[in-house]
Amino acid sequence: MMALYLKYFFLASFIISLSAQADGRDQAKRIHDRIAGVPANEETLASMVADIDAGDAVSAAYTAMQHPAFYSVTLKNLVSPWTNEEQTVFAPLNDYSATVIGMVRDDIDFRQILSADIIYVGDNSLALPAYSNSNNDHYEAMEKNAVNLLSGLVRQTQSSVTGLTAAATAGVMTTRAAAKAFFVDGTNRAMFRFTVLNHLCTDLEQIKDASRAADRIRQDISRSPGGDSRIFLNACLGCHAGMDPFSQAYAYYDFEYDSEIDPEAENGRLSYNDVAMTDPDTGTRVKKKYHINANNFKYGYVTPDDGWDNYWRNGPNAVLGWDTQVQGLAARGNGAKSMGIELANSEAFASCQVKKVFKTVCLRDPVDTDLAQFGLVVSSFKASNYNLKQVFAETADYCKGD
């Protein structure tokens, strides 16, 4: 009887062992599929299973991130909607998306995407068209030739590649792709709106605050749209009171193109009024677009320079978590670079990156039952010097399945 019992005991143990191995294998497959978007080969899968069985799914996730598809598919699909107003994932690779992909690959502090003098281009050995300030041929050729972005991207400075002075660079905001999408025409408010939407995960309608002072709202905003001042007070003021002081940081930028022969601005280029340059229409470094439609309300704010202020450090939008230690207590500065530092050091910025990665890896938005783990990943993200790979790894661990 005892022999029979032992036989079934060992058989049951063997079955449980096989089940555990299957669970580890299933989890490894799920992690690799979610991170790389393609199945793992047997060697990679075995390595990941070993890590998972040892209780280290984070290392398994890092193994999955060594696959080139993590960069050319997963990261590109994550970043591409940030590069255009339509927020389409089908945008071609460009200097904005390539720069974000390269920064993730190289474990660079992710806050620098809004301030650094940085750009990623294709390696010289790839025989690509040269980077151009007037077209996207360099990056489209990389995509057409299926260049391995894990090995094919090279870090450079914008100041050496595009000719902007280092002080005028502001991470992805001063890439050609961002300029084409958000500095073209208009008033440059689009650049601020989409930067907040893409990197703080909030749109202006969600954070409008009519309790802020209206002293920095430009002349082009009528105070009585349709003859009714209530529209301004109830609809316009809440966004513009905070947005206009911030977007003044872009006062020296524009995207120039010939609208007659190039109506889609495919061959336009970023333009910046550097020190000692004067715009013929304003008599200062400030671009003409900041003074358009001045007669809409001639007593409105006339932009004199690129000085910005954060009116949202106080009031309800203090909930965005502004870091007073980074920029100081003044909540102001000059130019896009310092303004990008202000945005990227907010709690909202850190939470936004985790939220986007969570949806990419877990295929859903976080819900109430995820909030504890979500907070832990945000804290880990900051503690890792804003390493986005760490967010992918910890999120993959959480959503690997039981």
Protein backbone atom coordinates (compact mmCIF):
# COMPACT_ATOMS: atom_id res chain seq x y z
CA MET A 1 0.00 0.00 0.00
CA MET A 2 2.84 2.34 0.94
CA ALA A 3 4.56 1.60 -2.38
CA LEU A 4 1.38 2.47 -4.27
CA TYR A 5 1.04 5.68 -2.28
CA LEU A 6 4.62 6.69 -3.05
CA LYS A 7 4.08 5.90 -6.72
CA TYR A 8 1.11 8.27 -6.94
CA PHE A 9 2.93 10.86 -4.79
CA PHE A 10 5.88 11.00 -7.17
CA LEU A 11 3.55 10.96 -10.19
CA ALA A 12 1.60 13.91 -8.77
CA SER A 13 4.83 15.77 -8.01
CA PHE A 14 6.00 15.18 -11.57
CA ILE A 15 2.73 16.50 -12.99
CA ILE A 16 2.90 19.57 -10.74
CA SER A 17 6.48 20.13 -11.87
CA LEU A 18 5.46 19.95 -15.53
CA SER A 19 2.60 22.36 -14.82
CA ALA A 20 4.98 24.84 -13.19
CA GLN A 21 7.30 24.60 -16.19
CA ALA A 22 4.38 25.20 -18.52
CA ASP A 23 3.35 28.25 -16.48
CA GLY A 24 6.85 29.68 -16.66
CA ARG A 25 6.99 29.04 -20.39
CA ASP A 26 3.60 30.63 -20.94
CA GLN A 27 4.66 33.66 -18.95
CA ALA A 28 7.90 33.94 -20.91
CA LYS A 29 5.98 33.76 -24.18
CA ARG A 30 3.58 36.43 -23.02
CA ILE A 31 6.37 38.76 -21.90
CA HIS A 32 8.26 38.36 -25.16
CA ASP A 33 5.14 38.75 -27.31
CA ARG A 34 4.08 41.92 -25.47
CA ILE A 35 7.54 43.52 -25.44
CA ALA A 36 8.96 42.51 -28.82
CA GLY A 37 5.71 41.83 -30.66
CA VAL A 38 7.12 38.62 -32.11
CA PRO A 39 7.64 35.07 -30.75
CA ALA A 40 10.92 34.24 -29.06
CA ASN A 41 13.26 31.57 -30.38
CA GLU A 42 13.86 28.50 -28.22
CA GLU A 43 17.19 29.68 -26.83
CA THR A 44 15.77 33.02 -25.74
CA LEU A 45 12.65 31.38 -24.35
CA ALA A 46 14.68 28.93 -22.28
CA SER A 47 16.73 31.77 -20.80
CA MET A 48 13.59 33.71 -19.92
CA VAL A 49 11.93 30.63 -18.37
CA ALA A 50 14.99 30.09 -16.19
CA ASP A 51 14.79 33.67 -14.92
CA ILE A 52 11.06 33.42 -14.28
CA ASP A 53 11.41 30.13 -12.42
CA ALA A 54 14.07 31.80 -10.29
CA GLY A 55 11.59 34.56 -9.45
CA ASP A 56 13.23 37.17 -11.68
CA ALA A 57 10.74 38.03 -14.41
CA VAL A 58 12.26 41.51 -14.67
CA SER A 59 15.47 39.99 -16.07
CA ALA A 60 13.36 37.93 -18.47
CA ALA A 61 11.76 41.14 -19.69
CA TYR A 62 15.17 42.72 -20.24
CA THR A 63 16.08 39.68 -22.34
CA ALA A 64 13.01 40.30 -24.50
CA MET A 65 14.12 43.91 -24.97
CA GLN A 66 17.26 42.69 -26.70
CA HIS A 67 15.17 41.72 -29.72
CA PRO A 68 15.38 44.33 -32.53
CA ALA A 69 11.59 44.33 -32.90
CA PHE A 70 11.27 45.99 -29.49
CA TYR A 71 12.82 49.08 -31.10
CA SER A 72 11.49 48.92 -34.66
CA VAL A 73 7.95 47.83 -33.77
CA THR A 74 6.97 48.27 -30.12
CA LEU A 75 8.76 51.54 -29.43
CA LYS A 76 8.07 52.98 -32.85
CA ASN A 77 4.35 52.25 -32.47
CA LEU A 78 4.43 53.83 -29.02
CA VAL A 79 6.18 57.00 -30.15
CA SER A 80 4.83 57.62 -33.67
CA PRO A 81 1.48 59.09 -32.54
CA TRP A 82 3.37 61.73 -30.56
CA THR A 83 4.93 63.08 -33.77
CA ASN A 84 1.81 64.28 -35.56
CA GLU A 85 -1.45 66.11 -34.87
CA GLU A 86 -3.52 63.21 -36.19
CA GLN A 87 -1.82 60.99 -33.59
CA THR A 88 -1.56 58.20 -36.10
CA VAL A 89 0.69 55.22 -35.50
CA PHE A 90 1.32 54.99 -39.25
CA ALA A 91 3.63 58.01 -39.40
CA PRO A 92 7.02 57.23 -40.96
CA LEU A 93 10.14 57.03 -38.83
CA ASN A 94 11.53 60.54 -38.32
CA ASP A 95 14.03 62.40 -36.17
CA TYR A 96 11.52 62.69 -33.30
CA SER A 97 10.66 59.00 -33.10
CA ALA A 98 14.22 57.84 -33.82
CA THR A 99 15.54 60.06 -31.04
CA VAL A 100 13.13 58.67 -28.46
CA ILE A 101 13.93 55.10 -29.56
CA GLY A 102 17.66 55.75 -29.30
CA MET A 103 17.34 57.31 -25.86
CA VAL A 104 15.43 54.29 -24.56
CA ARG A 105 18.02 51.94 -26.08
CA ASP A 106 20.86 53.83 -24.42
CA ASP A 107 19.18 54.11 -21.00
CA ILE A 108 19.24 57.92 -21.10
CA ASP A 109 17.30 59.86 -18.47
CA PHE A 110 13.91 60.08 -20.17
CA ARG A 111 13.27 63.59 -18.88
CA GLN A 112 15.84 64.80 -21.39
CA ILE A 113 13.45 64.22 -24.28
CA LEU A 114 12.13 67.75 -23.65
CA SER A 115 15.40 69.60 -23.14
CA ALA A 116 18.58 67.87 -24.34
CA ASP A 117 20.80 68.78 -27.26
CA ILE A 118 20.34 65.31 -28.71
CA ILE A 119 19.30 63.60 -31.92
CA TYR A 120 19.68 60.07 -33.30
CA VAL A 121 20.61 59.45 -36.92
CA GLY A 122 21.51 56.41 -38.96
CA ASP A 123 25.04 55.07 -38.81
CA ASN A 124 27.32 56.25 -41.62
CA SER A 125 27.96 52.65 -42.65
CA LEU A 126 24.32 52.30 -43.78
CA ALA A 127 24.84 54.48 -46.88
CA LEU A 128 21.67 56.47 -46.22
CA PRO A 129 20.77 59.88 -47.65
CA ALA A 130 22.32 62.55 -45.46
CA TYR A 131 20.22 64.08 -42.71
CA SER A 132 18.44 67.14 -44.09
CA ASN A 133 16.74 70.05 -42.36
CA SER A 134 14.32 70.17 -45.30
CA ASN A 135 13.06 66.59 -45.71
CA ASN A 136 12.65 63.23 -43.99
CA ASP A 137 14.51 61.15 -46.60
CA HIS A 138 17.19 59.97 -44.17
CA TYR A 139 14.71 58.25 -41.86
CA GLU A 140 12.34 57.00 -44.52
CA ALA A 141 15.29 55.25 -46.15
CA MET A 142 16.08 53.60 -42.81
CA GLU A 143 12.54 52.28 -42.65
CA LYS A 144 12.47 51.22 -46.30
CA ASN A 145 15.73 49.31 -45.85
CA ALA A 146 14.49 47.72 -42.59
CA VAL A 147 17.49 49.04 -40.68
CA ASN A 148 18.00 47.37 -37.31
CA LEU A 149 17.35 50.26 -34.91
CA LEU A 150 19.01 48.36 -32.08
CA SER A 151 22.36 48.71 -33.83
CA GLY A 152 21.77 51.25 -36.60
CA LEU A 153 21.03 54.41 -34.61
CA VAL A 154 23.86 56.74 -33.57
CA ARG A 155 23.64 59.48 -30.97
CA GLN A 156 24.57 62.99 -32.10
CA THR A 157 23.80 66.54 -30.98
CA GLN A 158 21.21 68.65 -32.71
CA SER A 159 23.60 71.58 -32.65
CA SER A 160 26.09 69.62 -34.80
CA VAL A 161 23.52 67.99 -37.11
CA THR A 162 20.83 70.64 -37.61
CA GLY A 163 22.82 73.79 -36.90
CA LEU A 164 20.70 75.04 -34.01
CA THR A 165 22.74 76.61 -31.25
CA ALA A 166 22.90 74.34 -28.21
CA ALA A 167 20.88 76.82 -26.13
CA ALA A 168 18.04 76.67 -28.67
CA THR A 169 17.73 72.88 -28.60
CA ALA A 170 14.96 71.31 -26.53
CA GLY A 171 14.95 67.58 -27.14
CA VAL A 172 12.22 66.28 -29.40
CA MET A 173 10.44 69.65 -29.40
CA THR A 174 13.13 71.06 -31.69
CA THR A 175 13.36 68.12 -34.07
CA ARG A 176 12.27 68.73 -37.64
CA ALA A 177 9.32 66.33 -37.30
CA ALA A 178 7.94 68.16 -34.26
CA ALA A 179 8.42 71.52 -35.94
CA LYS A 180 6.63 70.34 -39.08
CA ALA A 181 3.70 69.06 -37.03
CA PHE A 182 3.37 71.71 -34.34
CA PHE A 183 5.28 74.90 -35.30
CA VAL A 184 3.84 75.06 -38.82
CA ASP A 185 1.52 78.05 -39.39
CA GLY A 186 -0.68 78.98 -36.43
CA THR A 187 0.62 80.55 -33.25
CA ASN A 188 2.88 77.81 -31.76
CA ARG A 189 0.23 77.00 -29.17
CA ALA A 190 -0.10 73.61 -30.89
CA MET A 191 3.43 72.71 -29.80
CA PHE A 192 2.54 73.35 -26.19
CA ARG A 193 -0.81 71.60 -26.35
CA PHE A 194 0.57 68.42 -27.93
CA THR A 195 3.64 68.39 -25.69
CA VAL A 196 1.35 68.41 -22.64
CA LEU A 197 -0.95 65.84 -24.23
CA ASN A 198 1.86 63.48 -25.23
CA HIS A 199 4.13 63.85 -22.22
CA LEU A 200 1.85 64.74 -19.32
CA CYS A 201 -1.09 62.67 -20.61
CA THR A 202 -3.57 65.49 -20.23
CA ASP A 203 -5.30 67.82 -22.66
CA LEU A 204 -5.93 71.48 -22.01
CA GLU A 205 -9.65 70.96 -21.56
CA GLN A 206 -8.92 68.72 -18.59
CA ILE A 207 -6.76 71.27 -16.80
CA LYS A 208 -8.32 74.60 -17.74
CA ASP A 209 -8.31 77.00 -14.82
CA ALA A 210 -10.25 80.25 -15.11
CA SER A 211 -8.93 81.44 -11.74
CA ARG A 212 -5.51 82.32 -13.23
CA ALA A 213 -4.70 85.89 -14.27
CA ALA A 214 -5.41 86.81 -17.90
CA ASP A 215 -2.53 89.27 -18.19
CA ARG A 216 -0.45 87.12 -20.56
CA ILE A 217 -3.16 86.23 -23.07
CA ARG A 218 -2.13 87.52 -26.48
CA GLN A 219 -3.92 90.07 -28.64
CA ASP A 220 -5.25 87.50 -31.11
CA ILE A 221 -7.73 86.12 -28.57
CA SER A 222 -10.95 88.13 -28.60
CA ARG A 223 -12.33 88.97 -25.19
CA SER A 224 -15.86 89.01 -26.63
CA PRO A 225 -16.17 86.24 -29.24
CA GLY A 226 -19.34 86.87 -31.21
CA GLY A 227 -19.90 89.93 -29.06
CA ASP A 228 -20.36 87.86 -25.90
CA SER A 229 -17.67 88.25 -23.21
CA ARG A 230 -19.13 85.29 -21.29
CA ILE A 231 -17.71 82.96 -23.96
CA PHE A 232 -14.21 84.25 -23.24
CA LEU A 233 -14.64 84.08 -19.48
CA ASN A 234 -16.20 80.61 -19.45
CA ALA A 235 -14.48 78.89 -22.38
CA CYS A 236 -11.33 80.68 -23.52
CA LEU A 237 -9.79 82.08 -20.35
CA GLY A 238 -9.37 78.74 -18.59
CA CYS A 239 -6.96 77.39 -21.21
CA HIS A 240 -5.24 80.54 -22.45
CA ALA A 241 -4.43 81.98 -19.01
CA GLY A 242 -2.04 79.08 -18.41
CA MET A 243 -1.12 78.13 -21.96
CA ASP A 244 -0.07 81.53 -23.29
CA PRO A 245 2.55 82.22 -20.59
CA PHE A 246 4.01 78.75 -21.18
CA SER A 247 3.97 78.88 -24.99
CA GLN A 248 5.87 82.17 -24.98
CA ALA A 249 8.92 79.90 -24.62
CA TYR A 250 8.58 79.17 -28.36
CA ALA A 251 8.52 82.84 -29.43
CA TYR A 252 11.68 82.56 -31.56
CA TYR A 253 10.65 79.39 -33.45
CA ASP A 254 8.73 78.80 -36.66
CA PHE A 255 8.48 76.25 -39.47
CA GLU A 256 9.15 77.90 -42.81
CA TYR A 257 7.99 76.57 -46.17
CA ASP A 258 6.75 77.83 -49.54
CA SER A 259 2.98 77.39 -49.40
CA GLU A 260 2.57 77.94 -53.15
CA ILE A 261 4.82 75.15 -54.38
CA ASP A 262 4.78 73.01 -51.24
CA PRO A 263 1.30 73.29 -49.65
CA GLU A 264 1.86 70.22 -47.45
CA ALA A 265 5.11 71.67 -46.09
CA GLU A 266 7.00 68.49 -46.95
CA ASN A 267 10.17 70.44 -47.67
CA GLY A 268 9.97 73.06 -44.95
CA ARG A 269 12.48 73.58 -42.17
CA LEU A 270 12.67 74.71 -38.56
CA SER A 271 13.51 78.40 -38.27
CA TYR A 272 14.91 80.06 -35.14
CA ASN A 273 15.76 83.71 -34.48
CA ASP A 274 19.07 83.50 -32.69
CA VAL A 275 20.88 86.22 -30.77
CA ALA A 276 21.26 89.44 -32.81
CA MET A 277 18.60 88.31 -35.32
CA THR A 278 15.57 90.53 -35.78
CA ASP A 279 12.21 89.62 -37.26
CA PRO A 280 11.31 92.30 -39.83
CA ASP A 281 7.65 92.31 -38.77
CA THR A 282 8.15 92.61 -34.99
CA GLY A 283 11.45 94.44 -34.73
CA THR A 284 12.61 91.92 -32.13
CA ARG A 285 13.64 88.25 -32.07
CA VAL A 286 9.96 87.32 -31.66
CA LYS A 287 8.43 85.65 -34.71
CA LYS A 288 5.65 87.40 -36.62
CA LYS A 289 3.09 84.73 -35.70
CA TYR A 290 3.13 85.96 -32.08
CA HIS A 291 1.78 89.35 -33.22
CA ILE A 292 -0.88 88.23 -35.69
CA ASN A 293 -4.50 89.36 -35.42
CA ALA A 294 -3.49 92.08 -32.97
CA ASN A 295 -6.73 93.96 -33.60
CA ASN A 296 -8.82 91.16 -32.10
CA PHE A 297 -8.02 92.74 -28.73
CA LYS A 298 -5.41 95.47 -29.03
CA TYR A 299 -5.06 95.75 -25.25
CA GLY A 300 -3.94 92.14 -25.01
CA TYR A 301 -0.42 90.95 -24.26
CA VAL A 302 2.30 91.86 -26.77
CA THR A 303 5.03 89.19 -26.67
CA PRO A 304 8.43 90.88 -26.13
CA ASP A 305 10.71 87.82 -25.79
CA ASP A 306 10.76 84.07 -25.03
CA GLY A 307 10.26 84.41 -21.27
CA TRP A 308 7.78 81.85 -19.93
CA ASP A 309 5.90 81.54 -16.64
CA ASN A 310 4.12 78.59 -15.07
CA TYR A 311 0.85 79.98 -13.70
CA TRP A 312 -0.24 76.43 -12.91
CA ARG A 313 2.15 75.90 -10.02
CA ASN A 314 -0.64 77.38 -7.92
CA GLY A 315 -4.34 76.62 -8.01
CA PRO A 316 -5.93 73.32 -9.02
CA ASN A 317 -3.16 72.40 -11.46
CA ALA A 318 -0.64 72.18 -8.66
CA VAL A 319 -1.88 68.58 -8.67
CA LEU A 320 0.38 68.01 -11.69
CA GLY A 321 3.22 67.87 -9.19
CA TRP A 322 5.67 70.59 -10.18
CA ASP A 323 9.21 70.12 -8.85
CA THR A 324 10.20 73.38 -7.17
CA GLN A 325 13.72 72.10 -6.52
CA VAL A 326 14.67 71.81 -10.19
CA GLN A 327 13.73 75.21 -11.59
CA GLY A 328 13.60 77.02 -8.28
CA LEU A 329 10.66 78.84 -6.76
CA ALA A 330 10.31 81.45 -9.51
CA ALA A 331 8.41 79.14 -11.91
CA ARG A 332 9.77 81.03 -14.88
CA GLY A 333 12.58 80.98 -17.40
CA ASN A 334 13.53 81.74 -20.98
CA GLY A 335 13.23 79.50 -24.00
CA ALA A 336 11.98 76.03 -24.83
CA LYS A 337 14.84 74.19 -23.09
CA SER A 338 14.12 75.47 -19.58
CA MET A 339 10.38 75.14 -20.14
CA GLY A 340 10.89 71.51 -21.16
CA ILE A 341 12.78 70.91 -17.92
CA GLU A 342 9.82 72.33 -16.00
CA LEU A 343 7.38 69.94 -17.69
CA ALA A 344 9.62 66.86 -17.55
CA ASN A 345 10.25 67.15 -13.81
CA SER A 346 6.58 67.11 -12.90
CA GLU A 347 4.87 64.13 -11.31
CA ALA A 348 2.47 64.13 -14.25
CA PHE A 349 5.35 63.47 -16.65
CA ALA A 350 6.57 60.43 -14.70
CA SER A 351 3.06 59.01 -14.34
CA CYS A 352 2.32 59.59 -18.01
CA GLN A 353 5.24 57.46 -19.21
CA VAL A 354 4.22 54.60 -16.92
CA LYS A 355 0.62 54.86 -18.08
CA LYS A 356 1.62 54.61 -21.75
CA VAL A 357 3.93 51.66 -21.16
CA PHE A 358 1.27 49.92 -19.08
CA LYS A 359 -1.21 50.14 -21.94
CA THR A 360 1.41 48.92 -24.42
CA VAL A 361 2.41 45.90 -22.35
CA CYS A 362 -0.83 45.02 -20.56
CA LEU A 363 -3.08 45.94 -23.53
CA ARG A 364 -5.35 48.03 -21.30
CA ASP A 365 -5.35 51.14 -19.18
CA PRO A 366 -4.61 50.73 -15.46
CA VAL A 367 -7.69 50.46 -13.24
CA ASP A 368 -8.27 50.89 -9.52
CA THR A 369 -6.90 47.46 -8.63
CA ASP A 370 -3.65 48.35 -10.42
CA LEU A 371 -3.03 51.63 -8.59
CA ALA A 372 -0.75 50.23 -5.89
CA GLN A 373 1.53 48.56 -8.43
CA PHE A 374 1.27 51.58 -10.72
CA GLY A 375 2.58 53.81 -7.95
CA LEU A 376 5.46 51.43 -7.26
CA VAL A 377 6.49 51.48 -10.93
CA VAL A 378 6.37 55.29 -11.01
CA SER A 379 8.63 55.40 -7.95
CA SER A 380 10.98 52.85 -9.49
CA PHE A 381 11.06 54.83 -12.75
CA LYS A 382 12.26 57.92 -10.91
CA ALA A 383 14.68 55.97 -8.76
CA SER A 384 16.25 54.40 -11.88
CA ASN A 385 17.10 57.88 -13.22
CA TYR A 386 14.01 57.75 -15.45
CA ASN A 387 15.05 54.61 -17.33
CA LEU A 388 12.07 53.64 -19.49
CA LYS A 389 13.31 50.06 -19.91
CA GLN A 390 12.79 49.59 -16.19
CA VAL A 391 9.15 50.58 -16.65
CA PHE A 392 8.72 48.04 -19.44
CA ALA A 393 10.39 45.31 -17.38
CA GLU A 394 8.40 45.86 -14.19
CA THR A 395 5.14 46.27 -16.07
CA ALA A 396 5.76 43.07 -18.03
CA ASP A 397 6.38 41.27 -14.76
CA TYR A 398 3.08 42.54 -13.38
CA CYS A 399 1.08 41.55 -16.47
CA LYS A 400 2.81 38.25 -17.20
CA GLY A 401 -0.13 36.22 -15.85
CA ASP A 402 -0.27 33.69 -13.02
